[in-house]
Amino acid sequence: MNFFDRYKFVIVPFATWFFIQLFKVIYDLVTTKKFNFKRILGAGGMPSSHSAVVTSLTTLVGKYQGTDSADFAMSLIFACVVMYDAAGVRRAAGKQAKLLNKIIDTPGLSKVEVSEKLVEALGHTPIQVIVGACIGIIVGLIF
């Protein structure tokens, strides 16, 4: 058994995450003409790397261990929780951060002084989650 076959359940999801995040950095560079290294580790944006990672893993587990295995069931449930969180809880937190930043920036409305703005790009829209999930499934099927 070669190295890739032995560690495919780790290599494929991490490679999927890396290339999606790299895509986001390059896309930001092309559209804004600014290099934003924080984008490589940052959350949010199209497509959802969280969704792609968990669906690539789930697809690999289903493909190699069977959809009737306990590992597949755990992976599927984990994927559903991650995607729900990305589109629900983290998206709501991002909306709240955006509103709080607006309140803090409004003169006379807030006397709160902050050293940095709250991160607004935390979650994903449902379409970003779906696109990320589709990429993950395709990657999992290819490898």
N, C-alpha and C. Protein backbone atom coordinates (compact mmCIF):
# COMPACT_ATOMS: atom_id res chain seq x y z
N MET A 1 0.84 -1.18 0.00
CA MET A 1 0.00 0.00 0.00
C MET A 1 0.89 1.25 0.00
N ASN A 2 0.65 2.14 -0.96
CA ASN A 2 1.48 3.34 -1.04
C ASN A 2 1.01 4.41 -0.05
N PHE A 3 1.79 5.48 0.03
CA PHE A 3 1.54 6.54 1.01
C PHE A 3 0.16 7.18 0.81
N PHE A 4 -0.18 7.50 -0.45
CA PHE A 4 -1.46 8.15 -0.72
C PHE A 4 -2.63 7.26 -0.31
N ASP A 5 -2.56 5.98 -0.69
CA ASP A 5 -3.65 5.06 -0.34
C ASP A 5 -3.81 4.94 1.17
N ARG A 6 -2.71 4.94 1.86
CA ARG A 6 -2.76 4.79 3.32
C ARG A 6 -3.36 6.02 4.00
N TYR A 7 -3.09 7.21 3.46
CA TYR A 7 -3.51 8.45 4.12
C TYR A 7 -4.51 9.28 3.30
N LYS A 8 -5.20 8.66 2.36
CA LYS A 8 -6.11 9.41 1.49
C LYS A 8 -7.23 10.11 2.26
N PHE A 9 -7.64 9.55 3.40
CA PHE A 9 -8.71 10.16 4.19
C PHE A 9 -8.27 11.45 4.88
N VAL A 10 -6.96 11.68 4.90
CA VAL A 10 -6.41 12.93 5.46
C VAL A 10 -5.94 13.84 4.32
N ILE A 11 -5.24 13.27 3.35
CA ILE A 11 -4.64 14.06 2.26
C ILE A 11 -5.71 14.75 1.41
N VAL A 12 -6.72 14.01 0.98
CA VAL A 12 -7.72 14.59 0.07
C VAL A 12 -8.49 15.74 0.71
N PRO A 13 -9.04 15.58 1.93
CA PRO A 13 -9.72 16.74 2.53
C PRO A 13 -8.82 17.95 2.76
N PHE A 14 -7.58 17.72 3.23
CA PHE A 14 -6.68 18.85 3.44
C PHE A 14 -6.30 19.52 2.12
N ALA A 15 -6.06 18.73 1.08
CA ALA A 15 -5.74 19.30 -0.23
C ALA A 15 -6.94 20.08 -0.77
N THR A 16 -8.14 19.55 -0.57
CA THR A 16 -9.35 20.25 -0.99
C THR A 16 -9.45 21.60 -0.29
N TRP A 17 -9.25 21.61 1.02
CA TRP A 17 -9.29 22.87 1.78
C TRP A 17 -8.24 23.84 1.24
N PHE A 18 -7.01 23.36 1.08
CA PHE A 18 -5.91 24.23 0.66
C PHE A 18 -6.20 24.88 -0.69
N PHE A 19 -6.64 24.09 -1.66
CA PHE A 19 -6.86 24.63 -3.00
C PHE A 19 -8.06 25.58 -3.06
N ILE A 20 -9.08 25.33 -2.27
CA ILE A 20 -10.21 26.27 -2.22
C ILE A 20 -9.76 27.58 -1.59
N GLN A 21 -9.02 27.50 -0.50
CA GLN A 21 -8.54 28.73 0.14
C GLN A 21 -7.57 29.47 -0.77
N LEU A 22 -6.72 28.76 -1.50
CA LEU A 22 -5.81 29.38 -2.46
C LEU A 22 -6.60 30.07 -3.56
N PHE A 23 -7.67 29.43 -4.02
CA PHE A 23 -8.55 30.05 -5.02
C PHE A 23 -9.10 31.38 -4.49
N LYS A 24 -9.53 31.39 -3.22
CA LYS A 24 -10.09 32.61 -2.63
C LYS A 24 -9.04 33.73 -2.58
N VAL A 25 -7.80 33.38 -2.25
CA VAL A 25 -6.72 34.38 -2.21
C VAL A 25 -6.49 34.95 -3.61
N ILE A 26 -6.42 34.07 -4.60
CA ILE A 26 -6.18 34.51 -5.99
C ILE A 26 -7.36 35.33 -6.49
N TYR A 27 -8.57 34.89 -6.19
CA TYR A 27 -9.77 35.63 -6.62
C TYR A 27 -9.78 37.03 -6.00
N ASP A 28 -9.47 37.13 -4.71
CA ASP A 28 -9.39 38.44 -4.06
C ASP A 28 -8.31 39.31 -4.68
N LEU A 29 -7.17 38.72 -5.00
CA LEU A 29 -6.07 39.45 -5.62
C LEU A 29 -6.49 40.01 -6.98
N VAL A 30 -7.16 39.21 -7.77
CA VAL A 30 -7.60 39.64 -9.09
C VAL A 30 -8.68 40.72 -8.99
N THR A 31 -9.64 40.54 -8.09
CA THR A 31 -10.76 41.49 -8.01
C THR A 31 -10.44 42.77 -7.26
N THR A 32 -9.59 42.70 -6.23
CA THR A 32 -9.29 43.90 -5.44
C THR A 32 -7.91 44.48 -5.74
N LYS A 33 -7.09 43.74 -6.46
CA LYS A 33 -5.71 44.15 -6.76
C LYS A 33 -4.86 44.27 -5.49
N LYS A 34 -5.30 43.59 -4.41
CA LYS A 34 -4.56 43.59 -3.15
C LYS A 34 -4.37 42.15 -2.70
N PHE A 35 -3.16 41.87 -2.20
CA PHE A 35 -2.89 40.53 -1.68
C PHE A 35 -3.30 40.47 -0.22
N ASN A 36 -4.22 39.57 0.09
CA ASN A 36 -4.73 39.42 1.45
C ASN A 36 -4.39 38.02 1.95
N PHE A 37 -3.24 37.88 2.61
CA PHE A 37 -2.81 36.56 3.08
C PHE A 37 -3.76 35.99 4.12
N LYS A 38 -4.45 36.85 4.88
CA LYS A 38 -5.40 36.36 5.88
C LYS A 38 -6.49 35.51 5.24
N ARG A 39 -6.71 35.69 3.96
CA ARG A 39 -7.76 34.95 3.24
C ARG A 39 -7.47 33.45 3.23
N ILE A 40 -6.20 33.06 3.29
CA ILE A 40 -5.86 31.64 3.23
C ILE A 40 -6.41 30.89 4.44
N LEU A 41 -6.50 31.55 5.58
CA LEU A 41 -7.02 30.91 6.78
C LEU A 41 -8.42 31.40 7.16
N GLY A 42 -8.88 32.45 6.50
CA GLY A 42 -10.15 33.06 6.86
C GLY A 42 -11.36 32.23 6.46
N ALA A 43 -12.46 32.49 7.16
CA ALA A 43 -13.72 31.80 6.88
C ALA A 43 -14.57 32.67 5.96
N GLY A 44 -15.59 32.07 5.40
CA GLY A 44 -16.54 32.78 4.56
C GLY A 44 -16.11 32.82 3.11
N GLY A 45 -17.05 33.21 2.27
CA GLY A 45 -16.77 33.35 0.85
C GLY A 45 -17.17 32.13 0.03
N MET A 46 -17.08 32.31 -1.27
CA MET A 46 -17.47 31.27 -2.23
C MET A 46 -16.25 30.56 -2.73
N PRO A 47 -16.26 29.25 -2.75
CA PRO A 47 -17.22 28.32 -2.13
C PRO A 47 -16.83 28.04 -0.68
N SER A 48 -17.69 27.33 0.02
CA SER A 48 -17.41 26.98 1.41
C SER A 48 -16.38 25.85 1.47
N SER A 49 -15.19 26.17 1.97
CA SER A 49 -14.17 25.12 2.10
C SER A 49 -14.55 24.15 3.21
N HIS A 50 -15.28 24.64 4.22
CA HIS A 50 -15.75 23.74 5.28
C HIS A 50 -16.62 22.63 4.69
N SER A 51 -17.56 23.03 3.86
CA SER A 51 -18.46 22.05 3.23
C SER A 51 -17.69 21.10 2.32
N ALA A 52 -16.76 21.64 1.56
CA ALA A 52 -15.98 20.82 0.64
C ALA A 52 -15.14 19.78 1.39
N VAL A 53 -14.54 20.20 2.49
CA VAL A 53 -13.70 19.28 3.28
C VAL A 53 -14.53 18.12 3.83
N VAL A 54 -15.64 18.45 4.49
CA VAL A 54 -16.42 17.39 5.13
C VAL A 54 -17.13 16.49 4.12
N THR A 55 -17.54 17.06 2.98
CA THR A 55 -18.20 16.19 1.99
C THR A 55 -17.18 15.35 1.22
N SER A 56 -15.97 15.86 1.03
CA SER A 56 -14.95 15.02 0.38
C SER A 56 -14.60 13.84 1.28
N LEU A 57 -14.49 14.09 2.58
CA LEU A 57 -14.21 13.01 3.52
C LEU A 57 -15.37 12.00 3.55
N THR A 58 -16.58 12.50 3.64
CA THR A 58 -17.76 11.61 3.68
C THR A 58 -17.85 10.78 2.40
N THR A 59 -17.59 11.41 1.26
CA THR A 59 -17.63 10.68 -0.01
C THR A 59 -16.56 9.60 -0.06
N LEU A 60 -15.36 9.92 0.40
CA LEU A 60 -14.28 8.92 0.43
C LEU A 60 -14.64 7.75 1.35
N VAL A 61 -15.17 8.05 2.51
CA VAL A 61 -15.54 6.99 3.45
C VAL A 61 -16.63 6.11 2.84
N GLY A 62 -17.63 6.73 2.23
CA GLY A 62 -18.68 5.95 1.59
C GLY A 62 -18.16 5.11 0.45
N LYS A 63 -17.23 5.67 -0.32
CA LYS A 63 -16.67 4.97 -1.48
C LYS A 63 -15.80 3.77 -1.08
N TYR A 64 -14.98 3.94 -0.05
CA TYR A 64 -14.02 2.90 0.31
C TYR A 64 -14.46 2.00 1.46
N GLN A 65 -15.32 2.49 2.34
CA GLN A 65 -15.75 1.66 3.47
C GLN A 65 -17.22 1.27 3.39
N GLY A 66 -17.93 1.87 2.45
CA GLY A 66 -19.33 1.53 2.26
C GLY A 66 -20.25 2.51 2.99
N THR A 67 -21.41 2.72 2.38
CA THR A 67 -22.36 3.64 2.98
C THR A 67 -23.12 3.02 4.15
N ASP A 68 -22.88 1.74 4.38
CA ASP A 68 -23.52 1.08 5.53
C ASP A 68 -22.57 0.95 6.72
N SER A 69 -21.40 1.60 6.64
CA SER A 69 -20.42 1.52 7.73
C SER A 69 -20.71 2.57 8.80
N ALA A 70 -20.26 2.29 10.00
CA ALA A 70 -20.40 3.25 11.10
C ALA A 70 -19.57 4.50 10.82
N ASP A 71 -18.41 4.34 10.18
CA ASP A 71 -17.57 5.50 9.84
C ASP A 71 -18.30 6.44 8.89
N PHE A 72 -19.01 5.88 7.92
CA PHE A 72 -19.77 6.72 7.00
C PHE A 72 -20.88 7.48 7.74
N ALA A 73 -21.56 6.78 8.61
CA ALA A 73 -22.65 7.43 9.37
C ALA A 73 -22.10 8.59 10.20
N MET A 74 -20.98 8.36 10.89
CA MET A 74 -20.38 9.43 11.70
C MET A 74 -19.93 10.59 10.82
N SER A 75 -19.33 10.27 9.69
CA SER A 75 -18.84 11.31 8.79
C SER A 75 -20.01 12.11 8.20
N LEU A 76 -21.07 11.44 7.84
CA LEU A 76 -22.24 12.12 7.28
C LEU A 76 -22.89 13.06 8.30
N ILE A 77 -23.03 12.58 9.52
CA ILE A 77 -23.62 13.42 10.57
C ILE A 77 -22.71 14.61 10.86
N PHE A 78 -21.41 14.37 10.92
CA PHE A 78 -20.44 15.45 11.13
C PHE A 78 -20.54 16.47 10.00
N ALA A 79 -20.65 16.01 8.76
CA ALA A 79 -20.77 16.91 7.60
C ALA A 79 -22.03 17.76 7.70
N CYS A 80 -23.12 17.15 8.08
CA CYS A 80 -24.38 17.90 8.21
C CYS A 80 -24.28 18.98 9.29
N VAL A 81 -23.67 18.65 10.41
CA VAL A 81 -23.51 19.63 11.49
C VAL A 81 -22.63 20.79 11.04
N VAL A 82 -21.52 20.48 10.38
CA VAL A 82 -20.60 21.53 9.92
C VAL A 82 -21.29 22.44 8.91
N MET A 83 -22.01 21.86 7.96
CA MET A 83 -22.67 22.68 6.93
C MET A 83 -23.81 23.51 7.53
N TYR A 84 -24.54 22.94 8.47
CA TYR A 84 -25.60 23.69 9.15
C TYR A 84 -25.00 24.86 9.92
N ASP A 85 -23.91 24.60 10.61
CA ASP A 85 -23.23 25.65 11.37
C ASP A 85 -22.72 26.75 10.45
N ALA A 86 -22.13 26.37 9.31
CA ALA A 86 -21.57 27.36 8.38
C ALA A 86 -22.65 28.28 7.83
N ALA A 87 -23.80 27.70 7.49
CA ALA A 87 -24.88 28.49 6.87
C ALA A 87 -25.81 29.11 7.91
N GLY A 88 -25.79 28.61 9.12
CA GLY A 88 -26.72 29.10 10.13
C GLY A 88 -26.05 29.94 11.20
N VAL A 89 -25.44 29.28 12.15
CA VAL A 89 -24.89 29.95 13.33
C VAL A 89 -23.79 30.94 12.97
N ARG A 90 -22.80 30.49 12.20
CA ARG A 90 -21.68 31.39 11.88
C ARG A 90 -22.12 32.53 10.96
N ARG A 91 -23.08 32.28 10.08
CA ARG A 91 -23.59 33.34 9.22
C ARG A 91 -24.31 34.40 10.06
N ALA A 92 -25.11 33.95 11.03
CA ALA A 92 -25.81 34.88 11.92
C ALA A 92 -24.80 35.69 12.74
N ALA A 93 -23.75 35.07 13.21
CA ALA A 93 -22.72 35.79 13.97
C ALA A 93 -22.04 36.84 13.10
N GLY A 94 -21.83 36.53 11.83
CA GLY A 94 -21.25 37.50 10.90
C GLY A 94 -22.15 38.69 10.68
N LYS A 95 -23.46 38.43 10.57
CA LYS A 95 -24.43 39.53 10.41
C LYS A 95 -24.44 40.41 11.66
N GLN A 96 -24.36 39.80 12.82
CA GLN A 96 -24.33 40.57 14.07
C GLN A 96 -23.06 41.41 14.15
N ALA A 97 -21.93 40.84 13.74
CA ALA A 97 -20.66 41.57 13.74
C ALA A 97 -20.76 42.78 12.82
N LYS A 98 -21.38 42.60 11.66
CA LYS A 98 -21.53 43.71 10.72
C LYS A 98 -22.36 44.84 11.34
N LEU A 99 -23.45 44.48 12.00
CA LEU A 99 -24.30 45.47 12.65
C LEU A 99 -23.56 46.17 13.79
N LEU A 100 -22.85 45.41 14.61
CA LEU A 100 -22.09 46.01 15.71
C LEU A 100 -21.01 46.95 15.19
N ASN A 101 -20.32 46.58 14.12
CA ASN A 101 -19.31 47.46 13.54
C ASN A 101 -19.95 48.76 13.05
N LYS A 102 -21.13 48.65 12.47
CA LYS A 102 -21.83 49.84 11.99
C LYS A 102 -22.22 50.76 13.15
N ILE A 103 -22.70 50.15 14.24
CA ILE A 103 -23.08 50.94 15.43
C ILE A 103 -21.86 51.64 16.01
N ILE A 104 -20.76 50.92 16.11
CA ILE A 104 -19.53 51.49 16.69
C ILE A 104 -19.00 52.62 15.81
N ASP A 105 -19.15 52.49 14.49
CA ASP A 105 -18.64 53.50 13.56
C ASP A 105 -19.54 54.73 13.43
N THR A 106 -20.76 54.65 13.95
CA THR A 106 -21.69 55.77 13.85
C THR A 106 -21.36 56.82 14.91
N PRO A 107 -20.99 58.03 14.49
CA PRO A 107 -20.62 59.09 15.46
C PRO A 107 -21.80 59.44 16.36
N GLY A 108 -21.51 59.55 17.65
CA GLY A 108 -22.52 59.95 18.62
C GLY A 108 -23.42 58.83 19.09
N LEU A 109 -23.40 57.70 18.40
CA LEU A 109 -24.28 56.60 18.77
C LEU A 109 -23.64 55.67 19.79
N SER A 110 -22.33 55.56 19.70
CA SER A 110 -21.64 54.64 20.61
C SER A 110 -20.40 55.32 21.18
N LYS A 111 -20.21 55.12 22.47
CA LYS A 111 -19.02 55.64 23.12
C LYS A 111 -18.00 54.52 23.36
N VAL A 112 -18.26 53.38 22.76
CA VAL A 112 -17.37 52.23 22.88
C VAL A 112 -16.18 52.42 21.95
N GLU A 113 -14.99 52.26 22.52
CA GLU A 113 -13.78 52.33 21.71
C GLU A 113 -13.24 50.92 21.52
N VAL A 114 -12.96 50.57 20.29
CA VAL A 114 -12.42 49.24 19.98
C VAL A 114 -11.12 49.40 19.21
N SER A 115 -10.24 48.44 19.40
CA SER A 115 -8.95 48.51 18.73
C SER A 115 -9.01 47.91 17.32
N GLU A 116 -10.00 47.05 17.09
CA GLU A 116 -10.15 46.47 15.75
C GLU A 116 -11.62 46.13 15.52
N LYS A 117 -11.97 46.06 14.25
CA LYS A 117 -13.35 45.74 13.90
C LYS A 117 -13.60 44.24 14.10
N LEU A 118 -14.84 43.90 14.34
CA LEU A 118 -15.22 42.49 14.44
C LEU A 118 -15.19 41.86 13.05
N VAL A 119 -14.85 40.58 12.99
CA VAL A 119 -14.81 39.87 11.72
C VAL A 119 -16.24 39.61 11.27
N GLU A 120 -16.54 40.05 10.04
CA GLU A 120 -17.90 39.92 9.51
C GLU A 120 -18.07 38.69 8.62
N ALA A 121 -17.01 38.27 7.96
CA ALA A 121 -17.09 37.13 7.04
C ALA A 121 -16.83 35.83 7.81
N LEU A 122 -17.83 35.38 8.52
CA LEU A 122 -17.67 34.17 9.33
C LEU A 122 -18.36 32.96 8.71
N GLY A 123 -19.53 33.19 8.18
CA GLY A 123 -20.34 32.09 7.70
C GLY A 123 -20.50 32.11 6.20
N HIS A 124 -21.45 31.32 5.73
CA HIS A 124 -21.68 31.16 4.30
C HIS A 124 -23.16 31.27 3.99
N THR A 125 -23.43 31.71 2.78
CA THR A 125 -24.80 31.66 2.28
C THR A 125 -25.11 30.20 1.92
N PRO A 126 -26.37 29.84 1.84
CA PRO A 126 -26.70 28.47 1.46
C PRO A 126 -26.07 28.05 0.12
N ILE A 127 -26.01 28.96 -0.85
CA ILE A 127 -25.43 28.60 -2.16
C ILE A 127 -23.93 28.33 -2.03
N GLN A 128 -23.24 29.08 -1.17
CA GLN A 128 -21.81 28.83 -0.95
C GLN A 128 -21.59 27.46 -0.34
N VAL A 129 -22.48 27.06 0.57
CA VAL A 129 -22.41 25.73 1.20
C VAL A 129 -22.68 24.64 0.16
N ILE A 130 -23.68 24.85 -0.67
CA ILE A 130 -24.04 23.85 -1.68
C ILE A 130 -22.91 23.68 -2.69
N VAL A 131 -22.34 24.78 -3.16
CA VAL A 131 -21.23 24.70 -4.13
C VAL A 131 -20.03 24.00 -3.49
N GLY A 132 -19.71 24.35 -2.25
CA GLY A 132 -18.61 23.68 -1.55
C GLY A 132 -18.87 22.19 -1.40
N ALA A 133 -20.11 21.83 -1.06
CA ALA A 133 -20.46 20.41 -0.92
C ALA A 133 -20.33 19.68 -2.24
N CYS A 134 -20.76 20.30 -3.32
CA CYS A 134 -20.64 19.67 -4.65
C CYS A 134 -19.17 19.45 -5.03
N ILE A 135 -18.34 20.45 -4.76
CA ILE A 135 -16.90 20.29 -5.03
C ILE A 135 -16.34 19.13 -4.21
N GLY A 136 -16.71 19.06 -2.94
CA GLY A 136 -16.22 17.98 -2.08
C GLY A 136 -16.64 16.61 -2.58
N ILE A 137 -17.87 16.49 -3.02
CA ILE A 137 -18.36 15.20 -3.54
C ILE A 137 -17.59 14.83 -4.81
N ILE A 138 -17.41 15.78 -5.70
CA ILE A 138 -16.68 15.51 -6.95
C ILE A 138 -15.25 15.09 -6.65
N VAL A 139 -14.57 15.82 -5.76
CA VAL A 139 -13.19 15.48 -5.40
C VAL A 139 -13.14 14.10 -4.78
N GLY A 140 -14.07 13.80 -3.86
CA GLY A 140 -14.10 12.50 -3.22
C GLY A 140 -14.32 11.37 -4.22
N LEU A 141 -15.14 11.60 -5.23
CA LEU A 141 -15.38 10.57 -6.24
C LEU A 141 -14.18 10.37 -7.17
N ILE A 142 -13.47 11.46 -7.47
CA ILE A 142 -12.30 11.36 -8.35
C ILE A 142 -11.17 10.60 -7.68
N PHE A 143 -10.95 10.86 -6.40
CA PHE A 143 -9.82 10.22 -5.72
C PHE A 143 -10.30 8.99 -4.98
